[in-house]
N, C-alpha and C. Protein backbone atom coordinates (compact mmCIF):
# COMPACT_ATOMS: atom_id res chain seq x y z
N MET A 1 1.11 -0.91 -0.39
CA MET A 1 -0.39 0.55 0.15
C MET A 1 0.66 1.47 0.03
N LYS A 2 0.90 1.97 -0.94
CA LYS A 2 1.32 3.58 -0.25
C LYS A 2 0.41 4.50 0.02
N LEU A 3 1.16 5.41 0.64
CA LEU A 3 0.32 6.50 1.44
C LEU A 3 1.32 7.11 1.16
N THR A 4 0.64 8.21 1.67
CA THR A 4 1.44 9.89 1.42
C THR A 4 2.19 10.30 3.26
N ALA A 5 3.89 10.48 2.68
CA ALA A 5 3.74 11.52 4.74
C ALA A 5 4.28 12.97 3.65
N ILE A 6 3.71 13.50 4.72
CA ILE A 6 3.98 15.36 4.38
C ILE A 6 5.39 15.56 6.24
N ILE A 7 6.44 16.26 5.66
CA ILE A 7 7.53 16.71 5.81
C ILE A 7 7.61 18.10 6.15
N GLU A 8 8.15 18.35 7.63
CA GLU A 8 8.11 19.09 7.62
C GLU A 8 8.77 19.39 9.01
N ARG A 9 9.91 21.14 8.55
CA ARG A 9 10.80 21.51 9.90
C ARG A 9 9.99 21.83 10.81
N GLU A 10 10.78 21.21 12.53
CA GLU A 10 10.11 21.19 13.16
C GLU A 10 10.63 21.87 14.37
N ASN A 11 11.52 23.33 14.36
CA ASN A 11 12.33 23.47 15.10
C ASN A 11 14.33 23.10 15.14
N SER A 12 14.41 22.45 15.78
CA SER A 12 15.42 21.51 15.01
C SER A 12 15.26 19.53 15.26
N GLY A 13 13.92 19.57 14.15
CA GLY A 13 13.95 18.52 14.25
C GLY A 13 12.17 18.04 12.92
N TYR A 14 12.34 17.04 12.79
CA TYR A 14 11.04 17.06 11.18
C TYR A 14 9.92 15.88 12.07
N THR A 15 8.86 17.01 11.78
CA THR A 15 7.90 15.80 11.36
C THR A 15 7.29 15.32 10.45
N ALA A 16 6.40 13.84 10.37
CA ALA A 16 6.14 13.96 9.31
C ALA A 16 5.20 12.83 9.92
N LEU A 17 3.78 13.19 8.90
CA LEU A 17 2.41 13.20 8.77
C LEU A 17 1.60 11.96 8.02
N CYS A 18 0.81 11.57 7.85
CA CYS A 18 0.30 10.52 7.06
C CYS A 18 -1.19 11.24 7.03
N PRO A 19 -1.72 12.33 6.34
CA PRO A 19 -2.88 12.28 6.46
C PRO A 19 -3.81 11.31 6.70
N GLU A 20 -3.22 10.08 5.75
CA GLU A 20 -4.87 9.24 4.70
C GLU A 20 -4.85 8.39 6.15
N LEU A 21 -3.58 8.40 7.77
CA LEU A 21 -4.46 7.81 9.04
C LEU A 21 -4.73 8.68 8.77
N ASP A 22 -4.42 9.76 9.60
CA ASP A 22 -3.72 11.09 10.71
C ASP A 22 -2.78 10.45 11.66
N ILE A 23 -1.72 10.00 10.72
CA ILE A 23 -0.39 9.52 12.14
C ILE A 23 0.28 10.05 12.33
N ALA A 24 1.18 10.29 13.74
CA ALA A 24 2.47 11.43 13.01
C ALA A 24 3.42 10.77 13.31
N SER A 25 4.85 10.81 13.01
CA SER A 25 5.53 10.94 13.87
C SER A 25 6.46 12.22 13.59
N GLN A 26 8.44 12.18 13.95
CA GLN A 26 9.24 12.83 13.95
C GLN A 26 10.46 11.77 14.05
N GLY A 27 11.77 13.06 14.00
CA GLY A 27 13.17 12.63 13.78
C GLY A 27 13.92 13.26 13.58
N ASP A 28 15.25 13.07 13.16
CA ASP A 28 16.16 14.16 12.96
C ASP A 28 16.44 14.86 11.96
N THR A 29 16.56 14.43 10.93
CA THR A 29 16.36 14.31 9.69
C THR A 29 14.55 14.20 9.08
N ILE A 30 15.11 13.69 7.75
CA ILE A 30 13.44 14.07 6.86
C ILE A 30 14.03 12.67 6.13
N GLU A 31 14.72 11.90 6.89
CA GLU A 31 14.54 10.32 6.38
C GLU A 31 14.44 9.92 7.53
N ALA A 32 14.75 10.32 9.27
CA ALA A 32 14.44 9.19 10.68
C ALA A 32 12.62 10.05 9.90
N ALA A 33 12.40 11.28 10.42
CA ALA A 33 11.21 10.51 11.16
C ALA A 33 9.61 10.24 9.43
N ARG A 34 11.16 10.65 7.56
CA ARG A 34 10.40 9.41 7.33
C ARG A 34 10.26 7.84 7.34
N ASP A 35 11.27 7.40 8.12
CA ASP A 35 11.43 5.78 8.26
C ASP A 35 10.75 5.58 10.36
N ASN A 36 10.36 6.53 10.50
CA ASN A 36 9.97 5.90 11.97
C ASN A 36 8.00 6.73 11.58
N LEU A 37 8.14 6.81 10.69
CA LEU A 37 6.11 7.83 10.60
C LEU A 37 6.40 5.46 9.91
N GLN A 38 7.50 5.38 8.58
CA GLN A 38 6.25 4.16 7.72
C GLN A 38 6.89 2.62 9.15
N GLU A 39 7.61 2.60 10.19
CA GLU A 39 7.39 2.38 11.25
C GLU A 39 5.93 1.89 12.74
N ALA A 40 5.71 3.84 11.85
CA ALA A 40 4.67 3.35 13.13
C ALA A 40 3.49 3.12 12.43
N LEU A 41 3.70 3.28 11.15
CA LEU A 41 2.26 3.05 10.36
C LEU A 41 2.41 1.27 10.35
N GLU A 42 3.63 0.99 10.48
CA GLU A 42 3.20 -0.83 10.14
C GLU A 42 2.47 -1.30 11.56
N LEU A 43 3.13 -0.41 12.36
CA LEU A 43 3.06 -0.96 13.82
C LEU A 43 1.52 -1.36 14.17
N PHE A 44 0.78 0.49 13.41
CA PHE A 44 -0.28 0.44 13.31
C PHE A 44 -1.44 -1.10 12.42
N PHE A 45 -0.64 -1.23 11.40
CA PHE A 45 -2.34 -1.76 11.06
C PHE A 45 -2.07 -3.51 10.89
N GLU A 46 -0.46 -3.82 11.52
CA GLU A 46 0.21 -4.56 13.14
C GLU A 46 -0.83 -4.38 14.01
N SER A 47 -2.06 -4.03 14.65
CA SER A 47 -1.43 -3.83 15.73
C SER A 47 -3.77 -3.53 16.03
N ALA A 48 -3.19 -2.96 15.48
CA ALA A 48 -5.61 -1.75 14.89
C ALA A 48 -6.80 -3.50 14.59
N PRO A 49 -7.40 -3.06 14.59
CA PRO A 49 -8.86 -4.09 14.74
C PRO A 49 -8.87 -3.33 12.94
N SER A 50 -8.80 -3.90 12.44
CA SER A 50 -9.95 -3.87 10.81
C SER A 50 -10.60 -2.39 11.22
N GLU A 51 -12.22 -2.98 12.29
CA GLU A 51 -12.52 -1.22 12.31
C GLU A 51 -11.67 -0.39 12.58
N GLU A 52 -11.20 -0.25 12.73
CA GLU A 52 -9.77 1.02 12.96
C GLU A 52 -10.10 1.90 12.24
N ILE A 53 -8.78 0.27 11.04
CA ILE A 53 -7.83 1.28 9.84
C ILE A 53 -9.33 1.01 9.11
N ALA A 54 -10.92 1.03 8.46
CA ALA A 54 -11.34 0.92 7.49
C ALA A 54 -12.68 2.57 7.83
N GLN A 55 -12.50 2.43 9.66
CA GLN A 55 -13.21 4.35 10.19
C GLN A 55 -11.98 4.99 9.75
N ARG A 56 -10.50 5.30 9.87
CA ARG A 56 -8.97 5.45 9.43
C ARG A 56 -9.36 6.78 8.60
N LEU A 57 -8.59 5.67 7.50
CA LEU A 57 -8.79 5.28 6.44
C LEU A 57 -9.12 5.85 5.95
N HIS A 58 -8.79 7.81 5.02
CA HIS A 58 -9.09 8.14 4.55
C HIS A 58 -7.78 8.37 2.82
N GLU A 59 -8.94 7.48 2.10
CA GLU A 59 -8.44 7.35 1.19
C GLU A 59 -8.57 8.43 -0.30
N ASP A 60 -8.65 9.36 -0.09
CA ASP A 60 -8.92 10.01 -1.45
C ASP A 60 -8.55 11.68 -0.69
N VAL A 61 -7.46 11.97 -0.38
CA VAL A 61 -6.15 12.70 0.01
C VAL A 61 -5.68 13.18 -1.62
N PHE A 62 -5.09 14.66 -0.98
CA PHE A 62 -4.79 15.02 -2.42
C PHE A 62 -4.13 16.45 -2.16
N VAL A 63 -3.09 16.82 -1.84
CA VAL A 63 -1.65 17.48 -1.56
C VAL A 63 -1.15 18.80 -2.52
N THR A 64 -1.34 19.19 -2.25
CA THR A 64 -1.22 20.32 -3.55
C THR A 64 -0.61 21.94 -3.12
N GLN A 65 -0.27 22.88 -3.13
CA GLN A 65 0.08 23.80 -3.50
C GLN A 65 -0.56 25.30 -3.56
N ILE A 66 -1.69 25.72 -2.57
CA ILE A 66 -2.09 27.16 -2.93
C ILE A 66 -0.36 28.23 -3.14
N GLU A 67 -1.10 29.50 -3.59
CA GLU A 67 -0.64 30.62 -2.64
C GLU A 67 -1.69 31.65 -2.10
N VAL A 68 -1.28 32.06 -1.66
CA VAL A 68 -1.94 32.83 -0.21
C VAL A 68 -1.38 35.17 -0.47
N ALA A 69 -2.17 35.70 -0.38
CA ALA A 69 -1.88 36.51 -0.49
C ALA A 69 -1.04 36.84 1.12
N VAL A 70 -0.25 37.81 1.77
CA VAL A 70 -0.23 38.41 2.88
C VAL A 70 0.52 39.71 2.70
N ALA A 71 -0.72 40.69 3.77
CA ALA A 71 -0.10 41.22 3.85
C ALA A 71 1.04 41.89 4.53
């Protein structure tokens, strides 16, 4: 299964979010944040009941950028 990872800098590290399941993790580097998120997702799929997976899984997630005028 392919899922989305949104990674952003936060203070001295990085936060990674999977919007399809609303699961997040963090790491000191982009790669560490991504790897930690992957591990968190794998643990979630191993331990969560199928009902919770179905309830949380948002299959239609679209990531785009918008331009906003700032005064």
